[in-house]
N, C-alpha and C. Protein backbone atom coordinates (compact mmCIF):
# COMPACT_ATOMS: atom_id res chain seq x y z
N UNK A 1 -4.59 58.28 28.55
CA UNK A 1 -4.01 58.35 29.79
C UNK A 1 -3.19 56.90 30.00
N UNK A 2 -2.26 56.63 30.02
CA UNK A 2 -1.59 55.49 30.19
C UNK A 2 -1.71 54.41 31.15
N UNK A 3 -2.09 53.34 30.07
CA UNK A 3 -2.00 51.97 30.79
C UNK A 3 -1.64 51.75 31.91
N UNK A 4 -2.43 51.18 32.95
CA UNK A 4 -2.27 50.97 34.67
C UNK A 4 -2.41 49.65 34.51
N UNK A 5 -1.67 47.93 35.10
CA UNK A 5 -2.54 47.03 35.78
C UNK A 5 -2.60 47.57 36.97
N UNK A 6 -4.21 46.71 37.41
CA UNK A 6 -4.69 46.72 38.71
C UNK A 6 -4.01 45.86 39.58
N UNK A 7 -4.11 44.86 39.37
CA UNK A 7 -3.56 43.46 40.10
C UNK A 7 -1.85 42.92 39.73
N UNK A 8 -1.69 42.43 40.99
CA UNK A 8 0.18 41.63 40.65
C UNK A 8 -0.07 40.76 39.35
N UNK A 9 -0.91 40.07 39.29
CA UNK A 9 -0.90 39.52 38.27
C UNK A 9 -1.31 40.39 36.71
N UNK A 10 -1.69 41.12 36.93
CA UNK A 10 -1.99 42.33 35.61
C UNK A 10 -0.64 42.72 35.35
N UNK A 11 0.17 43.03 36.33
CA UNK A 11 1.73 43.53 36.41
C UNK A 11 2.53 42.60 35.52
N UNK A 12 1.95 41.51 35.91
CA UNK A 12 3.18 40.42 35.64
C UNK A 12 3.20 40.19 34.46
N UNK A 13 1.93 39.81 33.91
CA UNK A 13 1.52 39.66 32.74
C UNK A 13 2.24 40.42 31.89
N UNK A 14 1.53 42.19 32.19
CA UNK A 14 1.91 43.07 31.26
C UNK A 14 3.75 43.07 31.26
N UNK A 15 4.40 42.93 32.11
CA UNK A 15 6.07 42.79 32.21
C UNK A 15 6.32 41.57 30.84
N UNK A 16 5.69 40.77 31.08
CA UNK A 16 6.08 39.59 30.41
C UNK A 16 6.03 40.42 28.86
N UNK A 17 4.66 40.38 28.38
CA UNK A 17 4.32 41.01 27.15
C UNK A 17 5.30 41.69 26.83
N UNK A 18 5.69 42.83 27.59
CA UNK A 18 6.37 44.11 26.61
C UNK A 18 7.88 43.52 26.42
N UNK A 19 8.47 42.50 27.37
CA UNK A 19 9.53 41.69 27.02
C UNK A 19 9.50 40.76 26.23
N UNK A 20 8.51 40.50 26.01
CA UNK A 20 8.66 39.69 25.01
C UNK A 20 8.70 40.20 23.66
N UNK A 21 8.13 41.31 23.20
CA UNK A 21 8.08 41.92 22.16
C UNK A 21 9.07 42.57 22.21
N UNK A 22 9.58 43.30 23.25
CA UNK A 22 11.18 44.28 23.21
C UNK A 22 12.42 42.41 22.63
N UNK A 23 12.18 41.54 22.81
CA UNK A 23 12.91 40.40 22.34
C UNK A 23 12.63 40.10 21.45
N UNK A 24 11.45 39.93 20.88
CA UNK A 24 11.34 39.64 19.24
C UNK A 24 12.01 40.47 18.29
N UNK A 25 11.38 42.16 19.08
CA UNK A 25 12.23 42.99 17.86
C UNK A 25 14.17 42.93 18.03
N UNK A 26 14.46 42.80 19.22
CA UNK A 26 15.98 42.48 19.60
C UNK A 26 16.35 41.32 18.41
N UNK A 27 15.92 40.57 18.74
CA UNK A 27 16.02 39.32 17.64
C UNK A 27 15.91 39.46 16.42
N UNK A 28 15.11 40.13 16.04
CA UNK A 28 14.84 40.37 14.36
C UNK A 28 15.92 41.09 14.15
N UNK A 29 16.53 42.48 14.72
CA UNK A 29 17.27 43.30 14.60
C UNK A 29 19.13 42.63 14.20
N UNK A 30 18.72 41.84 15.33
CA UNK A 30 19.90 41.21 15.41
C UNK A 30 20.50 40.09 13.98
N UNK A 31 19.31 39.56 14.00
CA UNK A 31 19.46 38.35 12.71
C UNK A 31 19.55 39.22 10.94
N UNK A 32 18.74 39.66 11.33
CA UNK A 32 18.83 40.62 10.11
C UNK A 32 20.17 41.36 9.71
N UNK A 33 20.69 41.96 10.44
CA UNK A 33 21.95 42.76 11.15
C UNK A 33 23.40 41.87 10.52
N UNK A 34 23.21 40.59 11.24
CA UNK A 34 24.12 39.56 11.06
C UNK A 34 24.25 38.84 9.29
N UNK A 35 23.21 39.21 9.33
CA UNK A 35 23.12 38.19 7.49
C UNK A 35 23.32 39.60 6.96
N UNK A 36 23.33 40.56 6.93
CA UNK A 36 23.99 41.89 6.12
C UNK A 36 25.16 41.85 6.47
N UNK A 37 25.67 41.85 7.31
CA UNK A 37 27.31 41.52 7.65
C UNK A 37 27.76 40.18 6.76
N UNK A 38 27.16 39.32 7.10
CA UNK A 38 27.52 38.15 6.26
C UNK A 38 27.78 38.15 4.87
N UNK A 39 26.37 38.71 4.23
CA UNK A 39 26.27 38.98 2.54
C UNK A 39 27.25 40.21 1.97
N UNK A 40 27.42 40.95 2.83
CA UNK A 40 28.10 41.76 2.14
C UNK A 40 29.92 42.22 2.93
N UNK A 41 29.54 41.39 3.99
CA UNK A 41 31.20 41.33 4.61
C UNK A 41 32.10 40.27 4.12
N UNK A 42 31.54 38.99 4.12
CA UNK A 42 32.21 37.80 3.55
C UNK A 42 31.91 37.44 2.41
N UNK A 43 30.62 37.67 1.79
CA UNK A 43 30.08 37.04 0.64
C UNK A 43 29.31 35.90 0.82
N UNK A 44 28.97 35.39 1.94
CA UNK A 44 28.18 34.66 2.56
C UNK A 44 26.87 34.78 2.80
N UNK A 45 25.82 33.68 2.99
CA UNK A 45 24.51 34.09 3.51
C UNK A 45 24.07 33.22 4.71
N UNK A 46 23.69 33.68 6.16
CA UNK A 46 22.61 32.71 6.87
C UNK A 46 21.57 32.71 6.49
N UNK A 47 21.26 31.08 5.84
CA UNK A 47 20.61 30.37 5.22
C UNK A 47 19.06 30.55 5.91
N UNK A 48 18.88 30.47 7.19
CA UNK A 48 17.96 30.50 8.29
C UNK A 48 17.20 32.14 8.33
N UNK A 49 18.38 32.76 8.21
CA UNK A 49 17.65 34.52 8.48
C UNK A 49 16.45 35.12 7.66
N UNK A 50 16.16 34.64 6.95
CA UNK A 50 15.16 35.06 5.83
C UNK A 50 14.03 34.88 7.06
N UNK A 51 13.60 33.33 7.20
CA UNK A 51 12.74 32.65 7.47
C UNK A 51 12.27 32.86 8.84
N UNK A 52 13.70 32.59 9.82
CA UNK A 52 13.52 33.21 11.41
C UNK A 52 12.92 34.46 11.26
N UNK A 53 12.89 35.65 10.46
CA UNK A 53 12.83 36.70 10.44
C UNK A 53 10.98 37.02 10.60
N UNK A 54 11.45 36.68 9.55
CA UNK A 54 9.51 36.20 9.05
C UNK A 54 8.63 35.74 10.31
N UNK A 55 8.60 34.64 10.90
CA UNK A 55 8.29 34.02 11.69
C UNK A 55 8.41 34.98 13.25
N UNK A 56 9.50 35.67 13.52
CA UNK A 56 9.50 36.76 14.17
C UNK A 56 8.51 38.01 13.86
N UNK A 57 8.61 38.08 13.08
CA UNK A 57 7.76 39.38 12.19
C UNK A 57 6.27 38.81 12.55
N UNK A 58 5.62 37.98 12.31
CA UNK A 58 4.23 37.29 12.03
C UNK A 58 4.30 37.49 13.83
N UNK A 59 4.98 36.79 14.76
CA UNK A 59 4.53 36.50 16.50
C UNK A 59 4.52 37.92 16.48
N UNK A 60 5.41 39.05 16.30
CA UNK A 60 5.41 40.45 16.47
C UNK A 60 4.34 40.98 16.45
N UNK A 61 3.53 40.59 14.87
CA UNK A 61 2.04 41.07 14.65
C UNK A 61 1.40 40.67 15.74
N UNK A 62 1.09 39.42 15.46
CA UNK A 62 0.02 38.78 16.11
C UNK A 62 -0.08 39.43 17.87
N UNK A 63 0.93 39.12 18.26
CA UNK A 63 1.24 39.15 20.08
C UNK A 63 0.89 40.98 20.14
N UNK A 64 1.01 41.47 19.20
CA UNK A 64 1.21 42.75 19.35
C UNK A 64 -0.57 43.47 19.00
N UNK A 65 -1.11 42.95 18.17
CA UNK A 65 -2.48 43.35 18.26
C UNK A 65 -3.33 43.05 19.34
N UNK A 66 -3.25 41.86 19.99
CA UNK A 66 -3.78 41.79 21.47
C UNK A 66 -3.24 42.37 22.83
N UNK A 67 -1.99 43.23 22.20
CA UNK A 67 -1.24 44.08 23.44
C UNK A 67 -2.43 45.62 23.15
N UNK A 68 -2.08 45.94 21.57
CA UNK A 68 -2.91 46.97 21.50
C UNK A 68 -3.90 47.70 21.94
N UNK A 69 -4.63 46.38 21.88
CA UNK A 69 -6.18 46.35 22.50
C UNK A 69 -5.97 46.31 23.82
N UNK A 70 -5.05 46.44 24.80
CA UNK A 70 -5.30 46.45 25.80
C UNK A 70 -4.89 47.13 26.78
N UNK A 71 -4.19 48.76 25.52
CA UNK A 71 -3.70 49.39 26.06
C UNK A 71 -4.35 50.74 25.31
N UNK A 72 -5.55 49.68 24.27
CA UNK A 72 -5.79 50.94 23.55
C UNK A 72 -4.98 51.89 22.64
N UNK A 73 -4.59 51.04 22.06
CA UNK A 73 -3.57 51.83 20.94
C UNK A 73 -3.93 51.79 19.69
N UNK A 74 -5.11 50.65 18.99
CA UNK A 74 -5.47 50.77 18.01
C UNK A 74 -5.90 52.08 17.64
N UNK A 75 -5.94 52.41 16.37
CA UNK A 75 -6.25 53.81 16.09
C UNK A 75 -7.46 53.36 15.13
N UNK A 76 -8.34 54.69 15.09
CA UNK A 76 -9.82 54.39 14.59
C UNK A 76 -10.10 56.27 14.19
N UNK A 77 -11.49 56.02 13.70
CA UNK A 77 -12.05 57.39 13.22
C UNK A 77 -12.88 57.96 14.62
N UNK A 78 -12.67 58.87 15.34
CA UNK A 78 -13.91 59.10 15.77
C UNK A 78 -14.67 60.58 16.15
N UNK A 79 -14.17 61.12 14.71
CA UNK A 79 -15.29 62.40 14.19
C UNK A 79 -16.55 62.25 14.74
N UNK A 80 -17.02 60.81 14.32
CA UNK A 80 -18.66 60.77 14.17
C UNK A 80 -19.10 60.91 16.21
N UNK A 81 -17.92 60.04 16.99
CA UNK A 81 -18.06 59.63 18.04
C UNK A 81 -18.49 60.98 18.95
N UNK A 82 -17.46 61.67 18.55
CA UNK A 82 -17.25 63.11 19.54
C UNK A 82 -18.39 63.77 19.07
N UNK A 83 -19.37 63.74 17.86
CA UNK A 83 -20.37 64.56 18.24
C UNK A 83 -21.19 63.88 18.63
N UNK A 84 -21.18 62.73 19.13
CA UNK A 84 -22.63 62.51 20.21
C UNK A 84 -22.54 62.81 21.49
N UNK A 85 -23.53 62.21 22.36
CA UNK A 85 -23.28 62.42 24.04
C UNK A 85 -22.75 61.12 24.16
N UNK A 86 -22.32 60.72 25.86
CA UNK A 86 -21.51 60.33 26.64
C UNK A 86 -22.34 58.90 26.07
N UNK A 87 -23.86 58.86 26.18
CA UNK A 87 -24.44 57.57 26.40
C UNK A 87 -24.94 57.18 24.96
N UNK A 88 -24.73 57.67 23.97
CA UNK A 88 -24.82 57.49 22.37
C UNK A 88 -23.13 56.57 22.27
N UNK A 89 -22.22 57.45 22.65
CA UNK A 89 -20.80 57.08 22.32
C UNK A 89 -20.93 55.59 23.03
N UNK A 90 -21.36 55.25 24.45
CA UNK A 90 -21.46 53.97 25.07
C UNK A 90 -21.93 53.46 24.04
N UNK A 91 -23.28 53.36 23.85
CA UNK A 91 -23.96 52.47 23.03
C UNK A 91 -22.94 52.14 22.04
N UNK A 92 -22.84 52.75 20.84
CA UNK A 92 -21.54 52.58 19.84
C UNK A 92 -21.00 51.86 20.44
N UNK A 93 -19.83 51.73 21.32
CA UNK A 93 -18.40 51.31 21.94
C UNK A 93 -18.91 50.07 22.02
N UNK A 94 -19.98 49.83 22.69
CA UNK A 94 -20.63 48.18 23.29
C UNK A 94 -20.65 47.24 21.62
N UNK A 95 -21.54 48.23 20.51
CA UNK A 95 -21.90 47.24 19.21
C UNK A 95 -20.20 47.24 18.69
N UNK A 96 -19.71 48.21 18.55
CA UNK A 96 -17.98 48.34 18.42
C UNK A 96 -17.25 47.19 18.94
N UNK A 97 -17.16 46.85 20.22
CA UNK A 97 -16.50 46.03 21.26
C UNK A 97 -17.40 44.37 20.59
N UNK A 98 -18.65 44.39 21.08
CA UNK A 98 -18.96 43.28 20.26
C UNK A 98 -18.92 42.53 18.73
N UNK A 99 -18.68 43.45 17.93
CA UNK A 99 -18.60 42.93 16.49
C UNK A 99 -16.96 42.73 16.67
N UNK A 100 -15.83 43.18 17.39
CA UNK A 100 -14.54 42.59 17.18
C UNK A 100 -14.38 41.75 18.19
N UNK A 101 -15.67 41.31 18.83
CA UNK A 101 -15.57 39.58 20.12
C UNK A 101 -15.81 38.71 18.76
N UNK A 102 -17.23 38.96 17.97
CA UNK A 102 -17.48 37.95 17.05
C UNK A 102 -15.69 37.88 16.20
N UNK A 103 -15.50 39.26 15.69
CA UNK A 103 -14.45 38.86 14.54
C UNK A 103 -13.28 37.79 15.40
N UNK A 104 -12.69 38.26 16.60
CA UNK A 104 -11.83 37.86 17.39
C UNK A 104 -12.11 36.24 17.37
N UNK A 105 -13.20 35.84 18.02
CA UNK A 105 -13.55 34.23 17.55
C UNK A 105 -13.37 33.33 16.09
N UNK A 106 -14.07 34.97 15.28
CA UNK A 106 -13.37 33.83 14.46
C UNK A 106 -12.15 33.31 13.66
N UNK A 107 -11.49 34.38 13.74
CA UNK A 107 -9.89 34.22 13.99
C UNK A 107 -9.16 33.20 14.97
N UNK A 108 -10.48 32.94 16.11
CA UNK A 108 -9.32 31.95 17.06
C UNK A 108 -9.69 30.96 16.03
N UNK A 109 -11.16 30.24 15.51
CA UNK A 109 -11.69 29.41 15.34
C UNK A 109 -10.56 28.99 13.76
N UNK A 110 -10.36 30.07 12.96
CA UNK A 110 -9.48 29.81 12.16
C UNK A 110 -7.98 28.91 11.88
N UNK A 111 -7.37 30.15 13.58
CA UNK A 111 -5.86 29.71 13.98
C UNK A 111 -5.93 28.32 14.66
N UNK A 112 -7.09 27.87 15.27
CA UNK A 112 -7.34 26.35 15.55
C UNK A 112 -7.33 25.81 14.57
N UNK A 113 -7.98 26.08 13.44
CA UNK A 113 -8.44 25.14 12.69
C UNK A 113 -7.06 24.76 11.79
N UNK A 114 -6.09 25.72 11.23
CA UNK A 114 -5.25 25.56 10.57
C UNK A 114 -3.75 24.69 11.75
N UNK A 115 -3.72 25.48 12.69
CA UNK A 115 -2.65 24.86 13.59
C UNK A 115 -2.72 23.38 14.27
N UNK A 116 -4.25 22.67 14.73
CA UNK A 116 -4.22 21.61 14.55
C UNK A 116 -3.85 20.38 14.16
N UNK A 117 -3.74 20.25 12.56
CA UNK A 117 -2.83 19.09 12.47
C UNK A 117 -1.66 18.85 12.37
N UNK A 118 -1.10 20.11 12.89
CA UNK A 118 0.45 20.05 12.94
C UNK A 118 0.81 19.46 14.42
N UNK A 119 -0.33 19.61 15.32
CA UNK A 119 -0.10 18.81 16.83
C UNK A 119 -0.77 17.66 16.57
N UNK A 120 -1.46 17.08 15.71
CA UNK A 120 -2.34 15.71 15.64
C UNK A 120 -3.01 15.88 16.29
N UNK A 121 -3.82 17.06 16.03
CA UNK A 121 -5.20 17.01 16.97
C UNK A 121 -6.39 17.58 15.44
N UNK A 122 -7.59 17.73 16.16
CA UNK A 122 -8.28 17.73 15.02
C UNK A 122 -8.98 19.14 14.82
N UNK A 123 -9.55 20.02 13.79
CA UNK A 123 -9.86 20.93 13.24
C UNK A 123 -11.40 20.72 13.81
N UNK A 124 -12.03 22.22 14.17
CA UNK A 124 -13.40 21.88 14.13
C UNK A 124 -14.28 22.25 12.42
N UNK A 125 -15.25 21.58 12.95
CA UNK A 125 -15.81 21.29 11.54
C UNK A 125 -16.97 22.48 11.56
N UNK A 126 -17.39 22.92 10.43
CA UNK A 126 -18.81 24.36 10.55
C UNK A 126 -17.96 25.19 9.79
N UNK A 127 -18.25 25.98 8.92
CA UNK A 127 -17.31 27.24 7.91
C UNK A 127 -17.27 28.37 8.78
N UNK A 128 -17.89 28.93 9.74
CA UNK A 128 -17.76 30.24 10.61
C UNK A 128 -17.64 29.61 12.16
N UNK A 129 -18.56 29.12 12.28
CA UNK A 129 -18.70 28.53 13.89
C UNK A 129 -18.34 26.75 14.18
N UNK A 130 -17.78 26.92 15.28
CA UNK A 130 -17.27 25.74 15.44
C UNK A 130 -19.24 24.36 15.27
N UNK A 131 -18.90 23.28 14.54
CA UNK A 131 -20.33 22.53 15.08
C UNK A 131 -19.70 21.23 15.45
N UNK A 132 -18.41 20.83 15.78
CA UNK A 132 -17.96 19.50 16.03
C UNK A 132 -16.20 19.26 15.70
N UNK A 133 -15.95 18.53 15.75
CA UNK A 133 -14.52 18.68 14.94
C UNK A 133 -14.56 17.21 13.82
N UNK A 134 -13.56 17.48 12.98
CA UNK A 134 -12.78 16.64 11.69
C UNK A 134 -12.27 15.67 12.40
N UNK A 135 -12.27 14.76 11.53
CA UNK A 135 -10.87 13.97 11.34
C UNK A 135 -9.89 13.89 10.43
N UNK A 136 -8.55 14.23 10.61
CA UNK A 136 -7.67 14.86 9.59
C UNK A 136 -6.74 14.05 9.55
N UNK A 137 -5.84 13.94 8.55
CA UNK A 137 -4.67 13.05 8.98
C UNK A 137 -3.87 14.15 9.27
N UNK A 138 -3.08 13.68 10.65
CA UNK A 138 -1.72 14.66 11.32
C UNK A 138 -0.77 14.74 10.40
N UNK A 139 -0.44 16.24 10.87
CA UNK A 139 1.08 16.73 9.83
C UNK A 139 2.39 16.83 10.68
N UNK A 140 1.70 16.45 12.11
CA UNK A 140 2.95 16.50 13.07
C UNK A 140 4.57 16.64 12.26
N UNK A 141 4.56 15.83 11.36
CA UNK A 141 5.68 15.77 10.67
C UNK A 141 6.20 16.99 10.00
N UNK A 142 5.56 17.92 8.99
CA UNK A 142 6.20 18.89 8.32
C UNK A 142 6.85 19.64 9.47
N UNK A 143 7.78 20.11 8.41
CA UNK A 143 9.06 20.82 9.00
C UNK A 143 9.12 22.06 8.38
N UNK A 144 9.68 23.20 9.16
CA UNK A 144 10.00 24.86 8.30
C UNK A 144 11.25 23.91 7.42
N UNK A 145 11.84 25.11 6.42
CA UNK A 145 12.41 24.87 5.33
C UNK A 145 13.83 25.08 5.37
N UNK A 146 14.04 26.24 6.53
CA UNK A 146 15.71 26.35 7.26
C UNK A 146 16.14 26.02 8.38
N UNK A 147 15.43 26.15 9.07
CA UNK A 147 15.84 26.36 10.62
C UNK A 147 16.17 24.78 10.84
N UNK A 148 16.97 24.87 11.66
CA UNK A 148 17.70 23.61 12.12
C UNK A 148 16.84 23.31 13.40
N UNK A 149 16.32 22.58 13.91
CA UNK A 149 15.77 21.90 15.22
C UNK A 149 17.07 22.31 16.06
N UNK A 150 16.66 22.99 17.37
CA UNK A 150 17.54 22.46 18.52
C UNK A 150 17.86 21.19 19.02
N UNK A 151 18.66 20.91 19.30
CA UNK A 151 18.94 19.39 19.73
C UNK A 151 18.19 19.30 21.05
N UNK A 152 18.41 19.77 21.77
CA UNK A 152 18.02 20.06 23.27
C UNK A 152 16.49 19.44 23.38
N UNK A 153 15.50 19.74 22.18
CA UNK A 153 14.55 20.33 22.19
C UNK A 153 13.87 18.67 21.27
N UNK A 154 14.69 18.58 20.63
CA UNK A 154 14.12 17.30 19.54
C UNK A 154 13.70 15.75 20.14
N UNK A 155 14.25 15.56 21.31
CA UNK A 155 13.53 14.35 22.06
C UNK A 155 12.27 14.12 22.70
N UNK A 156 12.28 15.64 23.18
CA UNK A 156 10.86 15.80 23.60
C UNK A 156 9.98 15.92 22.40
N UNK A 157 9.82 17.22 21.58
CA UNK A 157 8.70 16.76 20.45
C UNK A 157 8.72 15.65 19.70
N UNK A 158 10.09 14.77 19.74
CA UNK A 158 9.79 13.89 18.59
C UNK A 158 9.08 13.07 19.36
N UNK A 159 9.20 12.78 20.37
CA UNK A 159 8.54 11.32 21.24
C UNK A 159 6.89 11.93 20.97
N UNK A 160 6.53 13.15 21.25
CA UNK A 160 5.58 13.26 21.59
C UNK A 160 4.48 13.35 20.36
N UNK A 161 5.23 14.51 19.58
CA UNK A 161 4.05 14.61 17.90
C UNK A 161 4.49 13.53 17.02
N UNK A 162 6.12 13.06 16.94
CA UNK A 162 6.75 12.11 15.50
C UNK A 162 7.26 11.14 15.69
N UNK A 163 6.42 10.17 16.57
CA UNK A 163 6.27 8.75 16.63
C UNK A 163 8.14 8.22 17.31
N UNK A 164 8.58 9.27 17.66
CA UNK A 164 9.79 9.34 17.93
C UNK A 164 10.70 9.34 16.91
N UNK A 165 10.82 9.32 16.00
CA UNK A 165 11.24 9.97 14.67
C UNK A 165 12.18 11.68 14.68
N UNK A 166 13.37 11.93 14.96
CA UNK A 166 14.02 12.94 15.01
C UNK A 166 13.84 13.90 14.55
N UNK A 167 13.45 15.16 14.68
CA UNK A 167 13.48 16.23 13.34
C UNK A 167 15.04 16.83 12.66
N UNK A 168 14.71 16.91 11.67
CA UNK A 168 15.96 17.82 11.11
C UNK A 168 15.90 19.35 11.48
N UNK A 169 14.52 19.97 10.91
CA UNK A 169 14.39 20.84 11.03
C UNK A 169 13.36 21.03 12.07
N UNK A 170 12.98 22.73 12.44
CA UNK A 170 12.35 22.99 12.99
C UNK A 170 11.02 22.35 13.18
N UNK A 171 10.10 21.91 13.98
CA UNK A 171 8.57 21.47 13.36
C UNK A 171 7.64 22.78 13.15
N UNK A 172 7.21 22.63 12.11
CA UNK A 172 6.18 23.93 11.97
C UNK A 172 4.81 24.09 13.34
N UNK A 173 4.77 23.24 14.08
CA UNK A 173 3.92 23.89 14.95
C UNK A 173 4.36 23.98 15.93
N UNK A 174 5.66 24.60 15.64
CA UNK A 174 6.03 25.73 17.07
C UNK A 174 6.17 27.01 16.66
N UNK A 175 6.25 27.34 15.38
CA UNK A 175 5.82 28.52 14.91
C UNK A 175 4.73 28.78 14.73
N UNK A 176 4.02 28.02 14.27
CA UNK A 176 2.44 28.61 14.20
C UNK A 176 1.52 28.35 15.35
N UNK A 177 2.17 27.91 15.99
CA UNK A 177 1.39 27.79 17.65
C UNK A 177 0.75 29.33 17.75
N UNK A 178 1.47 30.38 17.31
CA UNK A 178 1.26 31.68 18.13
C UNK A 178 -0.03 31.74 17.50
N UNK A 179 -0.72 31.39 16.49
CA UNK A 179 -1.87 31.74 15.73
C UNK A 179 -2.93 31.13 16.46
N UNK A 180 -3.73 30.05 17.57
CA UNK A 180 -4.09 30.31 18.18
C UNK A 180 -4.37 30.75 19.31
N UNK A 181 -2.83 30.58 19.73
CA UNK A 181 -2.70 31.66 21.26
C UNK A 181 -3.25 33.05 21.23
N UNK A 182 -2.86 33.68 19.94
CA UNK A 182 -3.10 35.17 19.81
C UNK A 182 -3.98 35.83 19.44
N UNK A 183 -4.83 34.37 19.10
CA UNK A 183 -6.37 35.04 18.92
C UNK A 183 -7.12 34.62 20.33
N UNK A 184 -6.83 33.65 20.51
CA UNK A 184 -7.87 33.84 22.25
C UNK A 184 -7.16 34.75 22.90
N UNK A 185 -6.12 35.35 23.03
CA UNK A 185 -5.37 36.43 23.45
C UNK A 185 -6.23 37.67 23.21
N UNK A 186 -5.94 38.09 21.74
CA UNK A 186 -6.81 39.00 21.21
C UNK A 186 -8.12 38.93 21.56
N UNK A 187 -8.84 37.44 21.93
CA UNK A 187 -10.59 37.91 21.47
C UNK A 187 -10.66 38.22 23.52
N UNK A 188 -9.81 37.45 24.19
CA UNK A 188 -10.09 37.60 25.57
C UNK A 188 -10.02 38.93 25.88
N UNK A 189 -9.30 39.88 25.17
CA UNK A 189 -8.76 41.23 25.36
C UNK A 189 -9.85 41.96 25.05
N UNK A 190 -10.74 41.86 23.42
CA UNK A 190 -11.65 42.51 23.41
C UNK A 190 -13.28 42.07 24.77
N UNK A 191 -12.98 41.31 24.95
CA UNK A 191 -13.87 40.91 26.09
C UNK A 191 -13.97 41.94 27.44
N UNK A 192 -12.55 41.68 27.29
CA UNK A 192 -12.34 43.16 28.76
C UNK A 192 -12.73 44.26 28.33
N UNK A 193 -12.38 44.34 27.08
CA UNK A 193 -12.44 46.19 26.29
C UNK A 193 -14.09 46.09 26.45
N UNK A 194 -14.82 45.35 26.05
CA UNK A 194 -16.53 45.15 26.12
C UNK A 194 -16.66 45.67 27.50
N UNK A 195 -16.09 44.82 28.72
CA UNK A 195 -16.67 44.93 29.65
C UNK A 195 -16.20 46.46 30.89
N UNK A 196 -15.47 47.08 29.91
CA UNK A 196 -14.85 48.18 30.52
C UNK A 196 -16.00 49.47 30.06
N UNK A 197 -16.36 49.15 28.60
CA UNK A 197 -17.37 50.16 28.47
C UNK A 197 -18.53 49.82 28.86
N UNK A 198 -18.57 48.66 29.12
CA UNK A 198 -20.57 48.11 29.71
C UNK A 198 -20.62 48.90 31.40
N UNK A 199 -19.78 48.73 31.89
CA UNK A 199 -19.08 49.32 33.32
C UNK A 199 -19.16 50.63 33.23
N UNK A 200 -19.06 51.22 32.48
CA UNK A 200 -18.75 52.91 31.82
C UNK A 200 -17.18 53.59 32.24
N UNK A 201 -16.20 52.66 32.83
CA UNK A 201 -14.82 52.86 32.57
C UNK A 201 -14.65 53.49 31.17
N UNK A 202 -15.02 53.25 30.18
CA UNK A 202 -14.30 53.98 28.84
C UNK A 202 -15.84 53.76 27.85
N UNK A 203 -15.74 55.01 26.89
CA UNK A 203 -17.35 54.82 26.06
C UNK A 203 -16.57 54.34 24.71
N UNK A 204 -15.15 54.44 24.49
CA UNK A 204 -14.66 53.92 23.13
C UNK A 204 -13.46 52.97 23.28
N UNK A 205 -13.21 51.98 21.99
CA UNK A 205 -12.39 50.95 22.55
C UNK A 205 -11.00 51.64 21.40
N UNK A 206 -10.86 52.52 20.71
CA UNK A 206 -9.75 52.64 20.08
C UNK A 206 -9.25 54.29 20.69
N UNK A 207 -8.03 54.50 20.42
CA UNK A 207 -7.13 55.15 20.89
C UNK A 207 -7.74 56.69 20.29
N UNK A 208 -8.27 57.37 21.09
CA UNK A 208 -8.06 59.10 20.53
C UNK A 208 -7.60 60.47 20.98
N UNK A 209 -7.13 60.96 20.13
CA UNK A 209 -5.93 61.94 20.10
C UNK A 209 -4.91 61.85 21.15
N UNK A 210 -4.53 60.78 20.57
CA UNK A 210 -3.34 59.85 21.43
C UNK A 210 -2.22 61.02 21.26
N UNK A 211 -1.97 61.42 20.02
CA UNK A 211 -0.88 62.62 20.34
C UNK A 211 -0.98 63.92 21.03
N UNK A 212 -2.31 64.16 21.19
CA UNK A 212 -2.89 65.44 22.04
C UNK A 212 -2.53 64.65 23.74
N UNK A 213 -2.56 63.74 23.76
CA UNK A 213 -2.43 62.84 25.25
C UNK A 213 -0.95 62.60 25.30
N UNK A 214 -0.23 62.16 24.45
CA UNK A 214 1.11 61.91 24.81
C UNK A 214 1.82 63.48 24.68
N UNK A 215 1.67 64.44 24.19
CA UNK A 215 2.20 65.73 24.61
C UNK A 215 1.84 66.09 25.85
N UNK A 216 0.66 66.06 26.48
CA UNK A 216 0.44 66.68 27.61
C UNK A 216 0.89 65.64 28.45
N UNK A 217 1.46 64.45 28.48
CA UNK A 217 1.93 64.02 29.71
C UNK A 217 3.38 64.09 29.43
N UNK A 218 4.24 64.51 28.00
CA UNK A 218 5.23 65.11 28.33
C UNK A 218 5.52 66.17 28.84
N UNK A 219 4.31 67.12 28.37
CA UNK A 219 4.51 68.65 29.16
C UNK A 219 4.36 68.36 30.83
N UNK A 220 3.29 67.86 31.31
CA UNK A 220 3.34 67.35 32.70
C UNK A 220 4.41 66.44 33.52
N UNK A 221 5.03 65.93 32.65
CA UNK A 221 6.76 65.44 33.45
C UNK A 221 7.57 66.70 33.45
N UNK A 222 7.53 67.50 32.05
CA UNK A 222 8.46 68.38 32.22
C UNK A 222 8.23 69.54 33.49
N UNK A 223 7.07 69.45 33.50
CA UNK A 223 6.78 70.86 34.29
C UNK A 223 7.11 69.71 36.23
N UNK A 224 6.76 68.60 36.48
CA UNK A 224 7.38 68.42 37.74
C UNK A 224 9.11 68.19 37.93
N UNK A 225 9.44 67.91 36.68
CA UNK A 225 11.57 67.91 36.82
C UNK A 225 11.84 69.36 36.98
N UNK A 226 11.01 70.12 36.62
CA UNK A 226 11.32 72.06 36.81
C UNK A 226 11.26 72.26 38.22
C-alpha cells in the first residue's frame, strides 16, 4: 500500500521531500551532462562539477534514507517474520525499530560532532552518548575546493561565521549541514515507525513483497482504466 500523508502538514512535507529529491537528481544529471559536453566537445572542464556532484549525491543518499523509512521502502529479509504469528512479528518489529532508533541517535551525534566546528559551535563529549560539550577551535573559515561562493550569500555567511571576511569558495558548513539535519530526520522517522508498530498499524518496518504489491497496484489501475 502506497504511503499517504494524513494531514495537511504531512502532505506539504511529503511534497517538499519528493520535490527536493527530484531537484537533486535533476541537478546531478545536468551538471554531469554539461561536464561531459565540455570535456569531449570543447576539450575543457567544469572544475567544480565533480565536487558539486559528490555533494549532491551525498544529500540524495542521506535525505533519501529518511524518506525511505517514511514510505517503508527499505528492503529487508522477512522469511522468518512470515513464519511467525502477528503478535510475534509485532514484538520483533518493535525490537528492530528500537535498535534503528539507537542507531540513528548515534548517527545524529556523529553528524552533529562533525558539523558543529564548521559553524563555530561545540561538539558533544562522550564516545557514544553525549555527556556534555567540548570546547574546540572553530573551523567556519574552511572552504570547499572548487565551488565558488555565490555573491549574494557571501555577506550573510561572512558576517555570521567568518568575522566579516568574505569567502572565496563555498564554506564547508553549507554542504555538511545535511549531516545533522538528515540524521535528525532519520531519527524522527524511526520513532514514527516505532509508534506505528506499537499502535498495531504495522508489524514490520521494512518493505515486504514490494514487487508483488506494485504488480497488484498496476493491475488494479489497469482494471479501473478498462
